[in-house]
N, C-alpha and C. Protein backbone atom coordinates (compact mmCIF):
# COMPACT_ATOMS: atom_id res chain seq x y z
N MET A 1 -29.26 -14.04 16.65
CA MET A 1 -28.24 -14.78 17.39
C MET A 1 -28.30 -16.27 17.05
N ALA A 2 -29.53 -16.79 16.89
CA ALA A 2 -29.68 -18.21 16.58
C ALA A 2 -29.04 -18.54 15.24
N ARG A 3 -29.18 -17.62 14.26
CA ARG A 3 -28.61 -17.89 12.94
C ARG A 3 -27.10 -17.99 13.00
N LEU A 4 -26.48 -17.24 13.92
CA LEU A 4 -25.03 -17.28 14.05
C LEU A 4 -24.55 -18.59 14.66
N ARG A 5 -25.48 -19.40 15.15
CA ARG A 5 -25.14 -20.72 15.70
C ARG A 5 -25.55 -21.85 14.76
N ASP A 6 -25.95 -21.51 13.57
CA ASP A 6 -26.38 -22.52 12.61
C ASP A 6 -25.21 -23.44 12.25
N PRO A 7 -25.28 -24.73 12.55
CA PRO A 7 -24.15 -25.63 12.26
C PRO A 7 -23.94 -25.87 10.77
N ASP A 8 -24.89 -25.44 9.94
CA ASP A 8 -24.78 -25.66 8.50
C ASP A 8 -24.31 -24.41 7.76
N MET A 9 -23.81 -23.41 8.46
CA MET A 9 -23.37 -22.19 7.79
C MET A 9 -22.13 -22.47 6.93
N VAL A 10 -21.93 -21.61 5.94
CA VAL A 10 -20.82 -21.78 5.00
C VAL A 10 -19.88 -20.59 5.09
N ASN A 11 -18.66 -20.77 4.56
CA ASN A 11 -17.70 -19.68 4.55
C ASN A 11 -17.88 -18.82 3.31
N CYS A 12 -17.00 -17.85 3.12
CA CYS A 12 -17.17 -16.89 2.03
C CYS A 12 -16.92 -17.49 0.65
N PHE A 13 -16.41 -18.72 0.59
CA PHE A 13 -16.28 -19.43 -0.68
C PHE A 13 -17.44 -20.40 -0.90
N GLY A 14 -18.41 -20.39 0.03
CA GLY A 14 -19.57 -21.25 -0.10
C GLY A 14 -19.35 -22.67 0.40
N GLU A 15 -18.23 -22.91 1.09
CA GLU A 15 -17.93 -24.24 1.62
C GLU A 15 -18.39 -24.34 3.07
N PRO A 16 -18.88 -25.51 3.49
CA PRO A 16 -19.32 -25.66 4.89
C PRO A 16 -18.18 -25.43 5.87
N LEU A 17 -18.50 -24.85 7.01
CA LEU A 17 -17.49 -24.72 8.06
C LEU A 17 -17.09 -26.10 8.55
N LYS A 18 -15.82 -26.26 8.87
CA LYS A 18 -15.35 -27.51 9.44
C LYS A 18 -15.80 -27.61 10.89
N PRO A 19 -15.94 -28.83 11.43
CA PRO A 19 -16.38 -28.97 12.82
C PRO A 19 -15.53 -28.19 13.80
N GLU A 20 -14.21 -28.17 13.60
CA GLU A 20 -13.34 -27.45 14.52
C GLU A 20 -13.52 -25.93 14.38
N GLU A 21 -13.87 -25.47 13.18
CA GLU A 21 -14.17 -24.05 13.01
C GLU A 21 -15.46 -23.69 13.74
N TYR A 22 -16.47 -24.53 13.59
CA TYR A 22 -17.75 -24.27 14.25
C TYR A 22 -17.56 -24.24 15.77
N LYS A 23 -16.71 -25.11 16.29
CA LYS A 23 -16.43 -25.13 17.72
C LYS A 23 -15.83 -23.79 18.17
N SER A 24 -14.89 -23.26 17.38
CA SER A 24 -14.28 -21.97 17.72
C SER A 24 -15.31 -20.84 17.63
N LEU A 25 -16.20 -20.92 16.64
CA LEU A 25 -17.23 -19.89 16.49
C LEU A 25 -18.15 -19.86 17.71
N VAL A 26 -18.57 -21.02 18.17
CA VAL A 26 -19.44 -21.09 19.36
C VAL A 26 -18.70 -20.58 20.58
N LYS A 27 -17.41 -20.90 20.69
CA LYS A 27 -16.61 -20.41 21.81
C LYS A 27 -16.58 -18.88 21.82
N CYS A 28 -16.48 -18.30 20.65
CA CYS A 28 -16.49 -16.84 20.53
C CYS A 28 -17.85 -16.28 20.96
N LEU A 29 -18.92 -16.90 20.49
CA LEU A 29 -20.27 -16.42 20.82
C LEU A 29 -20.54 -16.50 22.32
N ASP A 30 -19.97 -17.50 22.99
CA ASP A 30 -20.21 -17.71 24.41
C ASP A 30 -19.22 -16.98 25.31
N SER A 31 -18.22 -16.34 24.73
CA SER A 31 -17.15 -15.74 25.51
C SER A 31 -17.61 -14.48 26.25
N ALA A 32 -17.45 -14.51 27.56
CA ALA A 32 -17.74 -13.31 28.35
C ALA A 32 -16.74 -12.21 28.02
N GLN A 33 -15.52 -12.60 27.66
CA GLN A 33 -14.47 -11.63 27.33
C GLN A 33 -14.87 -10.78 26.13
N LEU A 34 -15.47 -11.41 25.11
CA LEU A 34 -15.82 -10.67 23.89
C LEU A 34 -17.19 -9.99 23.99
N GLY A 35 -18.07 -10.51 24.82
CA GLY A 35 -19.36 -9.84 25.04
C GLY A 35 -20.20 -9.68 23.79
N VAL A 36 -20.33 -10.77 23.02
CA VAL A 36 -21.09 -10.71 21.78
C VAL A 36 -22.55 -10.34 22.04
N ASP A 37 -23.16 -10.94 23.06
CA ASP A 37 -24.57 -10.66 23.36
C ASP A 37 -24.80 -9.17 23.61
N THR A 38 -23.89 -8.55 24.35
CA THR A 38 -24.03 -7.13 24.66
C THR A 38 -23.95 -6.28 23.41
N CYS A 39 -23.00 -6.61 22.53
CA CYS A 39 -22.82 -5.83 21.30
C CYS A 39 -23.99 -6.00 20.34
N LEU A 40 -24.63 -7.17 20.37
CA LEU A 40 -25.74 -7.42 19.46
C LEU A 40 -26.92 -6.48 19.71
N VAL A 41 -27.01 -5.95 20.92
CA VAL A 41 -28.08 -5.01 21.23
C VAL A 41 -28.01 -3.80 20.30
N ASP A 42 -26.80 -3.43 19.90
CA ASP A 42 -26.61 -2.26 19.03
C ASP A 42 -26.60 -2.63 17.55
N GLY A 43 -26.83 -3.91 17.23
CA GLY A 43 -26.93 -4.32 15.84
C GLY A 43 -25.67 -4.99 15.31
N LEU A 44 -25.81 -5.62 14.15
CA LEU A 44 -24.70 -6.37 13.56
C LEU A 44 -23.51 -5.50 13.17
N PRO A 45 -23.70 -4.30 12.61
CA PRO A 45 -22.53 -3.47 12.29
C PRO A 45 -21.70 -3.14 13.53
N ALA A 46 -22.37 -2.89 14.65
CA ALA A 46 -21.65 -2.59 15.89
C ALA A 46 -20.86 -3.80 16.36
N LEU A 47 -21.46 -4.98 16.22
CA LEU A 47 -20.75 -6.20 16.60
C LEU A 47 -19.54 -6.42 15.71
N GLN A 48 -19.70 -6.19 14.42
CA GLN A 48 -18.58 -6.34 13.50
C GLN A 48 -17.44 -5.39 13.86
N GLU A 49 -17.77 -4.15 14.15
CA GLU A 49 -16.75 -3.17 14.53
C GLU A 49 -16.04 -3.58 15.82
N HIS A 50 -16.81 -4.09 16.77
CA HIS A 50 -16.25 -4.54 18.05
C HIS A 50 -15.25 -5.68 17.83
N LEU A 51 -15.61 -6.63 16.98
CA LEU A 51 -14.74 -7.78 16.74
C LEU A 51 -13.49 -7.39 15.95
N ILE A 52 -13.62 -6.43 15.05
CA ILE A 52 -12.45 -5.96 14.31
C ILE A 52 -11.49 -5.26 15.26
N LYS A 53 -12.02 -4.50 16.22
CA LYS A 53 -11.15 -3.88 17.22
C LYS A 53 -10.42 -4.94 18.04
N TYR A 54 -11.14 -6.03 18.35
CA TYR A 54 -10.50 -7.14 19.07
C TYR A 54 -9.37 -7.73 18.24
N CYS A 55 -9.60 -7.95 16.95
CA CYS A 55 -8.56 -8.51 16.08
C CYS A 55 -7.38 -7.56 15.94
N ARG A 56 -7.65 -6.27 15.97
CA ARG A 56 -6.55 -5.30 15.93
C ARG A 56 -5.69 -5.43 17.19
N ALA A 57 -6.34 -5.63 18.34
CA ALA A 57 -5.60 -5.83 19.58
C ALA A 57 -4.80 -7.13 19.54
N VAL A 58 -5.39 -8.17 18.96
CA VAL A 58 -4.69 -9.45 18.82
C VAL A 58 -3.46 -9.29 17.92
N ALA A 59 -3.61 -8.52 16.85
CA ALA A 59 -2.49 -8.30 15.94
C ALA A 59 -1.32 -7.63 16.66
N ALA A 60 -1.64 -6.79 17.63
CA ALA A 60 -0.58 -6.09 18.37
C ALA A 60 0.05 -6.98 19.44
N SER A 61 -0.78 -7.78 20.13
CA SER A 61 -0.27 -8.56 21.26
C SER A 61 0.16 -9.97 20.89
N GLN A 62 -0.58 -10.61 19.97
CA GLN A 62 -0.34 -11.99 19.56
C GLN A 62 -0.21 -12.93 20.76
N THR A 63 -1.14 -12.77 21.70
CA THR A 63 -1.08 -13.58 22.92
C THR A 63 -2.40 -14.26 23.27
N ASP A 64 -3.50 -13.91 22.64
CA ASP A 64 -4.80 -14.40 23.09
C ASP A 64 -5.03 -15.85 22.65
N ASP A 65 -6.03 -16.48 23.27
CA ASP A 65 -6.43 -17.85 22.96
C ASP A 65 -6.75 -17.96 21.47
N LEU A 66 -6.04 -18.86 20.78
CA LEU A 66 -6.19 -18.94 19.33
C LEU A 66 -7.56 -19.44 18.89
N GLU A 67 -8.20 -20.29 19.67
CA GLU A 67 -9.56 -20.70 19.32
C GLU A 67 -10.51 -19.52 19.38
N LEU A 68 -10.31 -18.66 20.36
CA LEU A 68 -11.15 -17.46 20.48
C LEU A 68 -10.87 -16.51 19.32
N VAL A 69 -9.60 -16.39 18.95
CA VAL A 69 -9.24 -15.54 17.81
C VAL A 69 -9.87 -16.08 16.53
N GLU A 70 -9.76 -17.39 16.31
CA GLU A 70 -10.37 -17.98 15.12
C GLU A 70 -11.88 -17.75 15.13
N GLY A 71 -12.51 -17.92 16.29
CA GLY A 71 -13.95 -17.71 16.38
C GLY A 71 -14.34 -16.29 16.02
N ALA A 72 -13.55 -15.31 16.47
CA ALA A 72 -13.82 -13.92 16.12
C ALA A 72 -13.67 -13.69 14.62
N MET A 73 -12.64 -14.29 14.03
CA MET A 73 -12.43 -14.16 12.59
C MET A 73 -13.59 -14.78 11.82
N LEU A 74 -14.05 -15.94 12.27
CA LEU A 74 -15.18 -16.60 11.62
C LEU A 74 -16.46 -15.78 11.74
N LEU A 75 -16.65 -15.17 12.89
CA LEU A 75 -17.86 -14.36 13.09
C LEU A 75 -17.80 -13.11 12.22
N ILE A 76 -16.63 -12.51 12.10
CA ILE A 76 -16.48 -11.36 11.20
C ILE A 76 -16.77 -11.78 9.76
N GLU A 77 -16.31 -12.96 9.38
CA GLU A 77 -16.59 -13.47 8.03
C GLU A 77 -18.09 -13.59 7.81
N GLN A 78 -18.81 -14.17 8.78
CA GLN A 78 -20.25 -14.33 8.64
C GLN A 78 -20.95 -12.97 8.59
N LEU A 79 -20.50 -12.04 9.41
CA LEU A 79 -21.11 -10.70 9.42
C LEU A 79 -20.84 -9.98 8.11
N SER A 80 -19.64 -10.15 7.56
CA SER A 80 -19.31 -9.51 6.28
C SER A 80 -20.23 -10.02 5.17
N MET A 81 -20.53 -11.32 5.21
CA MET A 81 -21.44 -11.87 4.20
C MET A 81 -22.87 -11.39 4.42
N SER A 82 -23.28 -11.30 5.68
CA SER A 82 -24.64 -10.87 5.99
C SER A 82 -24.87 -9.39 5.66
N LEU A 83 -23.87 -8.57 5.99
CA LEU A 83 -24.02 -7.13 5.80
C LEU A 83 -23.73 -6.71 4.37
N GLY A 84 -23.02 -7.57 3.63
CA GLY A 84 -22.71 -7.26 2.24
C GLY A 84 -21.51 -6.34 2.12
N GLN A 85 -20.96 -6.29 0.92
CA GLN A 85 -19.83 -5.41 0.63
C GLN A 85 -20.17 -4.58 -0.59
N ALA A 86 -19.79 -3.31 -0.53
CA ALA A 86 -20.03 -2.43 -1.68
C ALA A 86 -19.14 -2.85 -2.84
N VAL A 87 -19.72 -3.02 -4.00
CA VAL A 87 -18.97 -3.41 -5.19
C VAL A 87 -18.52 -2.16 -5.91
N PRO A 88 -17.21 -1.95 -6.09
CA PRO A 88 -16.74 -0.73 -6.75
C PRO A 88 -17.06 -0.74 -8.23
N PRO A 89 -17.11 0.42 -8.86
CA PRO A 89 -17.38 0.47 -10.30
C PRO A 89 -16.31 -0.27 -11.10
N GLU A 90 -16.69 -0.71 -12.28
CA GLU A 90 -15.73 -1.39 -13.16
C GLU A 90 -14.53 -0.47 -13.41
N GLY A 91 -13.34 -1.05 -13.34
CA GLY A 91 -12.13 -0.29 -13.63
C GLY A 91 -11.59 0.51 -12.47
N SER A 92 -12.27 0.48 -11.31
CA SER A 92 -11.78 1.23 -10.17
C SER A 92 -10.60 0.51 -9.53
N GLN A 93 -9.85 1.23 -8.72
CA GLN A 93 -8.67 0.67 -8.07
C GLN A 93 -9.08 -0.38 -7.04
N PRO A 94 -8.40 -1.53 -7.01
CA PRO A 94 -8.65 -2.50 -5.94
C PRO A 94 -8.32 -1.86 -4.59
N ARG A 95 -9.08 -2.22 -3.58
CA ARG A 95 -8.86 -1.62 -2.28
C ARG A 95 -7.74 -2.31 -1.50
N PHE A 96 -7.46 -3.55 -1.83
CA PHE A 96 -6.46 -4.30 -1.06
C PHE A 96 -5.13 -4.24 -1.79
N SER A 97 -4.18 -3.53 -1.21
CA SER A 97 -2.85 -3.43 -1.81
C SER A 97 -1.87 -3.08 -0.70
N GLY A 98 -0.60 -2.98 -1.07
CA GLY A 98 0.43 -2.67 -0.09
C GLY A 98 1.05 -3.92 0.49
N GLN A 99 1.81 -3.73 1.55
CA GLN A 99 2.53 -4.84 2.18
C GLN A 99 1.84 -5.26 3.47
N TRP A 100 1.70 -6.59 3.63
CA TRP A 100 1.00 -7.15 4.78
C TRP A 100 1.80 -8.30 5.36
N GLN A 101 1.82 -8.38 6.69
CA GLN A 101 2.50 -9.48 7.37
C GLN A 101 1.48 -10.46 7.91
N MET A 102 1.71 -11.76 7.65
CA MET A 102 0.84 -12.80 8.17
C MET A 102 1.09 -12.95 9.67
N LEU A 103 0.03 -12.81 10.47
CA LEU A 103 0.18 -12.86 11.92
C LEU A 103 -0.48 -14.10 12.53
N VAL A 104 -1.66 -14.44 12.05
CA VAL A 104 -2.39 -15.62 12.54
C VAL A 104 -2.81 -16.43 11.33
N ALA A 105 -2.61 -17.74 11.40
CA ALA A 105 -3.02 -18.63 10.31
C ALA A 105 -3.86 -19.77 10.89
N THR A 106 -4.91 -20.14 10.17
CA THR A 106 -5.77 -21.25 10.60
C THR A 106 -5.82 -22.29 9.49
N GLY A 107 -6.25 -23.47 9.85
CA GLY A 107 -6.50 -24.49 8.83
C GLY A 107 -5.30 -25.31 8.43
N GLY A 108 -4.22 -25.23 9.19
CA GLY A 108 -3.05 -26.04 8.86
C GLY A 108 -2.04 -25.26 8.05
N GLY A 109 -1.08 -25.99 7.49
CA GLY A 109 -0.02 -25.35 6.74
C GLY A 109 1.21 -25.06 7.57
N TRP A 110 1.12 -25.28 8.87
CA TRP A 110 2.26 -25.08 9.75
C TRP A 110 2.51 -26.37 10.52
N PRO A 111 3.74 -26.61 10.93
CA PRO A 111 4.06 -27.93 11.52
C PRO A 111 3.60 -28.13 12.95
N TYR A 112 3.12 -27.08 13.62
CA TYR A 112 2.83 -27.22 15.04
C TYR A 112 1.37 -26.93 15.37
N GLY A 113 0.45 -27.49 14.62
CA GLY A 113 -0.95 -27.36 14.96
C GLY A 113 -1.76 -26.62 13.91
N ARG A 114 -3.07 -26.75 14.04
CA ARG A 114 -3.99 -26.16 13.07
C ARG A 114 -4.05 -24.65 13.18
N LEU A 115 -3.91 -24.11 14.39
CA LEU A 115 -3.96 -22.68 14.62
C LEU A 115 -2.58 -22.19 15.05
N GLN A 116 -2.15 -21.09 14.46
CA GLN A 116 -0.80 -20.61 14.75
C GLN A 116 -0.71 -19.09 14.75
N TYR A 117 0.01 -18.56 15.74
CA TYR A 117 0.61 -17.25 15.54
C TYR A 117 1.82 -17.52 14.65
N VAL A 118 1.82 -16.97 13.46
CA VAL A 118 2.79 -17.34 12.44
C VAL A 118 4.21 -17.17 12.99
N PRO A 119 4.97 -18.28 13.09
CA PRO A 119 6.26 -18.24 13.78
C PRO A 119 7.42 -17.73 12.93
N ILE A 120 7.15 -17.36 11.68
CA ILE A 120 8.20 -16.84 10.81
C ILE A 120 7.76 -15.49 10.26
N ILE A 121 8.67 -14.82 9.59
CA ILE A 121 8.31 -13.57 8.92
C ILE A 121 7.77 -13.92 7.54
N GLU A 122 6.51 -13.62 7.31
CA GLU A 122 5.89 -13.89 6.02
C GLU A 122 5.16 -12.64 5.57
N LEU A 123 5.58 -12.11 4.44
CA LEU A 123 5.06 -10.84 3.94
C LEU A 123 4.40 -11.02 2.58
N LEU A 124 3.20 -10.48 2.46
CA LEU A 124 2.49 -10.45 1.18
C LEU A 124 2.42 -9.00 0.72
N GLU A 125 2.84 -8.77 -0.51
CA GLU A 125 2.78 -7.42 -1.07
C GLU A 125 2.01 -7.46 -2.39
N VAL A 126 0.99 -6.62 -2.47
CA VAL A 126 0.21 -6.46 -3.70
C VAL A 126 0.48 -5.06 -4.23
N SER A 127 0.86 -4.96 -5.49
CA SER A 127 1.22 -3.66 -6.07
C SER A 127 0.03 -2.71 -6.02
N GLU A 128 0.32 -1.43 -6.02
CA GLU A 128 -0.73 -0.42 -5.92
C GLU A 128 -1.72 -0.50 -7.07
N ASP A 129 -1.25 -0.93 -8.25
CA ASP A 129 -2.18 -1.06 -9.38
C ASP A 129 -2.92 -2.39 -9.37
N GLY A 130 -2.62 -3.25 -8.37
CA GLY A 130 -3.33 -4.50 -8.22
C GLY A 130 -3.00 -5.56 -9.26
N GLN A 131 -1.87 -5.42 -9.95
CA GLN A 131 -1.55 -6.35 -11.03
C GLN A 131 -0.52 -7.41 -10.65
N ARG A 132 0.29 -7.14 -9.63
CA ARG A 132 1.40 -8.04 -9.28
C ARG A 132 1.39 -8.31 -7.78
N PHE A 133 1.98 -9.45 -7.39
CA PHE A 133 2.13 -9.75 -5.97
C PHE A 133 3.50 -10.37 -5.72
N ARG A 134 3.92 -10.28 -4.47
CA ARG A 134 5.13 -10.95 -4.00
C ARG A 134 4.84 -11.52 -2.61
N LEU A 135 5.18 -12.78 -2.40
CA LEU A 135 5.03 -13.42 -1.10
C LEU A 135 6.40 -13.90 -0.66
N GLU A 136 6.90 -13.33 0.44
CA GLU A 136 8.23 -13.66 0.94
C GLU A 136 8.13 -14.27 2.33
N SER A 137 8.96 -15.28 2.58
CA SER A 137 9.02 -15.92 3.89
C SER A 137 10.48 -16.00 4.33
N LYS A 138 10.71 -15.67 5.61
CA LYS A 138 12.05 -15.73 6.17
C LYS A 138 12.00 -16.49 7.48
N ALA A 139 12.73 -17.60 7.53
CA ALA A 139 12.81 -18.41 8.74
C ALA A 139 14.28 -18.70 9.01
N GLY A 140 14.91 -17.85 9.81
CA GLY A 140 16.34 -18.01 10.04
C GLY A 140 17.11 -17.84 8.74
N PRO A 141 17.93 -18.83 8.38
CA PRO A 141 18.72 -18.72 7.15
C PRO A 141 17.95 -19.08 5.88
N LEU A 142 16.69 -19.52 6.04
CA LEU A 142 15.90 -19.97 4.89
C LEU A 142 15.02 -18.83 4.39
N TYR A 143 15.06 -18.62 3.08
CA TYR A 143 14.28 -17.55 2.46
C TYR A 143 13.54 -18.11 1.25
N THR A 144 12.25 -17.81 1.14
CA THR A 144 11.48 -18.20 -0.04
C THR A 144 10.78 -16.98 -0.61
N SER A 145 10.59 -17.00 -1.91
CA SER A 145 9.94 -15.89 -2.59
C SER A 145 9.09 -16.43 -3.73
N ALA A 146 7.84 -15.97 -3.78
CA ALA A 146 6.95 -16.30 -4.89
C ALA A 146 6.44 -14.98 -5.47
N VAL A 147 6.57 -14.83 -6.77
CA VAL A 147 6.18 -13.60 -7.46
C VAL A 147 5.25 -13.98 -8.61
N GLY A 148 4.28 -13.12 -8.89
CA GLY A 148 3.40 -13.44 -10.00
C GLY A 148 2.36 -12.38 -10.28
N ASN A 149 1.34 -12.79 -11.01
CA ASN A 149 0.29 -11.89 -11.47
C ASN A 149 -0.98 -12.06 -10.64
N VAL A 150 -1.76 -10.99 -10.58
CA VAL A 150 -3.01 -10.98 -9.83
C VAL A 150 -4.16 -10.70 -10.79
N THR A 151 -5.24 -11.46 -10.64
CA THR A 151 -6.48 -11.20 -11.35
C THR A 151 -7.57 -10.97 -10.32
N TRP A 152 -8.33 -9.89 -10.49
CA TRP A 152 -9.38 -9.55 -9.52
C TRP A 152 -10.71 -10.12 -9.96
N VAL A 153 -11.43 -10.68 -8.99
CA VAL A 153 -12.72 -11.31 -9.24
C VAL A 153 -13.74 -10.64 -8.32
N ARG A 154 -14.93 -10.40 -8.82
CA ARG A 154 -15.97 -9.88 -7.94
C ARG A 154 -16.46 -10.97 -7.01
N PRO A 155 -16.81 -10.65 -5.75
CA PRO A 155 -16.87 -9.34 -5.13
C PRO A 155 -15.49 -8.71 -4.94
N PRO A 156 -15.45 -7.43 -4.54
CA PRO A 156 -14.16 -6.77 -4.41
C PRO A 156 -13.29 -7.47 -3.38
N ASN A 157 -11.98 -7.32 -3.59
CA ASN A 157 -10.99 -7.90 -2.69
C ASN A 157 -10.93 -9.42 -2.77
N ARG A 158 -11.43 -9.98 -3.85
CA ARG A 158 -11.24 -11.40 -4.12
C ARG A 158 -10.24 -11.50 -5.27
N LEU A 159 -9.05 -12.00 -4.96
CA LEU A 159 -8.00 -12.01 -5.96
C LEU A 159 -7.50 -13.41 -6.24
N GLN A 160 -7.29 -13.68 -7.51
CA GLN A 160 -6.65 -14.91 -7.95
C GLN A 160 -5.21 -14.57 -8.29
N TYR A 161 -4.28 -15.38 -7.81
CA TYR A 161 -2.89 -15.07 -8.14
C TYR A 161 -2.20 -16.28 -8.76
N HIS A 162 -1.32 -15.97 -9.70
CA HIS A 162 -0.61 -16.97 -10.48
C HIS A 162 0.89 -16.76 -10.30
N VAL A 163 1.56 -17.76 -9.75
CA VAL A 163 3.00 -17.67 -9.49
C VAL A 163 3.77 -17.86 -10.80
N THR A 164 4.63 -16.88 -11.10
CA THR A 164 5.47 -16.98 -12.30
C THR A 164 6.94 -17.20 -11.96
N ASP A 165 7.32 -16.93 -10.71
CA ASP A 165 8.71 -17.13 -10.30
C ASP A 165 8.74 -17.57 -8.84
N PHE A 166 9.46 -18.65 -8.56
CA PHE A 166 9.54 -19.18 -7.20
C PHE A 166 10.99 -19.50 -6.88
N ARG A 167 11.46 -18.99 -5.73
CA ARG A 167 12.85 -19.21 -5.33
C ARG A 167 12.92 -19.64 -3.88
N VAL A 168 13.87 -20.52 -3.59
CA VAL A 168 14.19 -20.91 -2.22
C VAL A 168 15.69 -20.78 -2.04
N GLU A 169 16.10 -20.08 -0.99
CA GLU A 169 17.53 -19.88 -0.73
C GLU A 169 17.85 -20.26 0.71
N LEU A 170 19.00 -20.87 0.89
CA LEU A 170 19.52 -21.19 2.21
C LEU A 170 20.89 -20.56 2.34
N LEU A 171 21.00 -19.60 3.24
CA LEU A 171 22.25 -18.85 3.41
C LEU A 171 22.71 -18.24 2.09
N GLY A 172 21.74 -17.79 1.29
CA GLY A 172 22.05 -17.14 0.03
C GLY A 172 22.25 -18.06 -1.15
N ALA A 173 22.30 -19.38 -0.89
CA ALA A 173 22.48 -20.34 -1.98
C ALA A 173 21.13 -20.86 -2.45
N SER A 174 20.92 -20.87 -3.75
CA SER A 174 19.64 -21.31 -4.31
C SER A 174 19.47 -22.82 -4.18
N LEU A 175 18.27 -23.24 -3.79
CA LEU A 175 17.95 -24.66 -3.65
C LEU A 175 16.97 -25.07 -4.74
N GLY A 176 17.15 -26.26 -5.25
CA GLY A 176 16.26 -26.76 -6.30
C GLY A 176 15.02 -27.40 -5.73
N VAL A 177 14.15 -26.59 -5.16
CA VAL A 177 12.92 -27.08 -4.53
C VAL A 177 11.76 -26.92 -5.52
N PRO A 178 10.93 -27.95 -5.68
CA PRO A 178 9.79 -27.83 -6.61
C PRO A 178 8.87 -26.68 -6.20
N ALA A 179 8.35 -25.98 -7.17
CA ALA A 179 7.44 -24.87 -6.90
C ALA A 179 6.09 -25.40 -6.42
N PRO A 180 5.39 -24.63 -5.58
CA PRO A 180 4.04 -25.02 -5.16
C PRO A 180 3.06 -24.88 -6.33
N ALA A 181 1.82 -25.26 -6.10
CA ALA A 181 0.79 -25.07 -7.13
C ALA A 181 0.78 -23.61 -7.57
N PRO A 182 0.78 -23.34 -8.87
CA PRO A 182 0.97 -21.97 -9.34
C PRO A 182 -0.22 -21.05 -9.09
N ASP A 183 -1.41 -21.61 -8.88
CA ASP A 183 -2.60 -20.78 -8.77
C ASP A 183 -3.28 -20.95 -7.42
N ASN A 184 -3.76 -19.83 -6.89
CA ASN A 184 -4.54 -19.87 -5.65
C ASN A 184 -5.47 -18.66 -5.67
N GLU A 185 -6.34 -18.60 -4.68
CA GLU A 185 -7.32 -17.52 -4.62
C GLU A 185 -7.45 -17.07 -3.18
N LEU A 186 -7.56 -15.77 -2.99
CA LEU A 186 -7.66 -15.19 -1.65
C LEU A 186 -8.82 -14.20 -1.64
N LEU A 187 -9.66 -14.31 -0.62
CA LEU A 187 -10.77 -13.36 -0.48
C LEU A 187 -10.58 -12.59 0.82
N VAL A 188 -10.34 -11.30 0.70
CA VAL A 188 -10.19 -10.43 1.87
C VAL A 188 -11.59 -10.01 2.29
N PHE A 189 -12.09 -10.64 3.35
CA PHE A 189 -13.49 -10.42 3.71
C PHE A 189 -13.70 -9.28 4.70
N ALA A 190 -12.62 -8.75 5.26
CA ALA A 190 -12.75 -7.60 6.15
C ALA A 190 -11.40 -6.89 6.23
N SER A 191 -11.46 -5.58 6.32
CA SER A 191 -10.23 -4.80 6.49
C SER A 191 -10.56 -3.53 7.26
N ALA A 192 -9.58 -3.05 7.97
CA ALA A 192 -9.68 -1.82 8.75
C ALA A 192 -8.26 -1.27 8.82
N PRO A 193 -8.11 -0.01 9.22
CA PRO A 193 -6.75 0.54 9.28
C PRO A 193 -5.79 -0.38 10.04
N GLY A 194 -4.77 -0.85 9.33
CA GLY A 194 -3.73 -1.65 9.96
C GLY A 194 -3.92 -3.14 9.93
N ILE A 195 -5.14 -3.65 9.66
CA ILE A 195 -5.35 -5.09 9.64
C ILE A 195 -6.24 -5.50 8.48
N ALA A 196 -6.14 -6.77 8.11
CA ALA A 196 -7.03 -7.35 7.11
C ALA A 196 -7.23 -8.82 7.44
N LEU A 197 -8.41 -9.34 7.13
CA LEU A 197 -8.72 -10.75 7.35
C LEU A 197 -9.10 -11.37 6.02
N ALA A 198 -8.54 -12.54 5.75
CA ALA A 198 -8.75 -13.16 4.45
C ALA A 198 -8.88 -14.67 4.60
N ARG A 199 -9.55 -15.26 3.61
CA ARG A 199 -9.63 -16.72 3.53
C ARG A 199 -9.07 -17.16 2.19
N SER A 200 -8.29 -18.23 2.23
CA SER A 200 -7.75 -18.82 1.02
C SER A 200 -8.73 -19.84 0.46
N ALA A 201 -8.71 -20.01 -0.86
CA ALA A 201 -9.54 -21.04 -1.46
C ALA A 201 -9.13 -22.42 -0.96
N ALA A 202 -7.91 -22.54 -0.44
CA ALA A 202 -7.45 -23.81 0.13
C ALA A 202 -8.13 -24.12 1.46
N GLY A 203 -8.78 -23.10 2.07
CA GLY A 203 -9.58 -23.37 3.25
C GLY A 203 -9.24 -22.56 4.49
N GLY A 204 -7.98 -22.20 4.68
CA GLY A 204 -7.59 -21.52 5.91
C GLY A 204 -7.81 -20.02 5.86
N MET A 205 -7.78 -19.41 7.04
CA MET A 205 -7.91 -17.96 7.16
C MET A 205 -6.60 -17.36 7.66
N THR A 206 -6.47 -16.06 7.43
CA THR A 206 -5.28 -15.34 7.86
C THR A 206 -5.67 -13.99 8.43
N LEU A 207 -5.06 -13.65 9.55
CA LEU A 207 -5.12 -12.28 10.08
C LEU A 207 -3.80 -11.62 9.72
N MET A 208 -3.89 -10.52 8.99
CA MET A 208 -2.69 -9.82 8.53
C MET A 208 -2.62 -8.43 9.15
N GLY A 209 -1.40 -7.96 9.34
CA GLY A 209 -1.18 -6.61 9.82
C GLY A 209 -0.19 -5.90 8.92
N GLN A 210 -0.27 -4.59 8.89
CA GLN A 210 0.68 -3.82 8.09
C GLN A 210 1.92 -3.54 8.93
N PRO A 211 3.10 -3.92 8.42
CA PRO A 211 4.34 -3.67 9.17
C PRO A 211 4.52 -2.18 9.44
N VAL A 212 5.06 -1.87 10.61
CA VAL A 212 5.29 -0.46 10.96
C VAL A 212 6.76 -0.13 10.76
């Protein structure tokens, strides 16, 4: 338990946690609602499973305290690193694919605060063969689309993506908006039926759900 409160812990990209992230992590550890101490009696895998169930409930309701949600995501990230991930054989199919909706975002990138229940429709789709991706956003009459190639990096579910086509449309009319940086990296540090948690190399985390 003491190690989970280490202020010098790092994220899955090896970068130190930000002070506001550490604050959310401690809030999660101290939360009577989440009962981390009780779950620890059964070991770290049981705690990880408990927190993933909590995130699945958050994905459905999108109503809980966002600092608590971020803390749970951070704790799952730490547990995933501690417990390790099985590395698939060379040439095997990537495990992370299909269509995913961004539900919770941390670390900025939205106009109304560092933590957000994503206020727009944002969908990430990774092809079944793991070679291509599409990221679409819809906010009222505004539509954006980024399409490109995916490169997989070990450990599993760490993907680098390169944008080859970027479009912005307003009411169906194309806008001449400069494209974002063409390259980024995403590490999916936990997944379970219906949800996935990932961190971007840019620093923020995302809770994703599969559209029904």
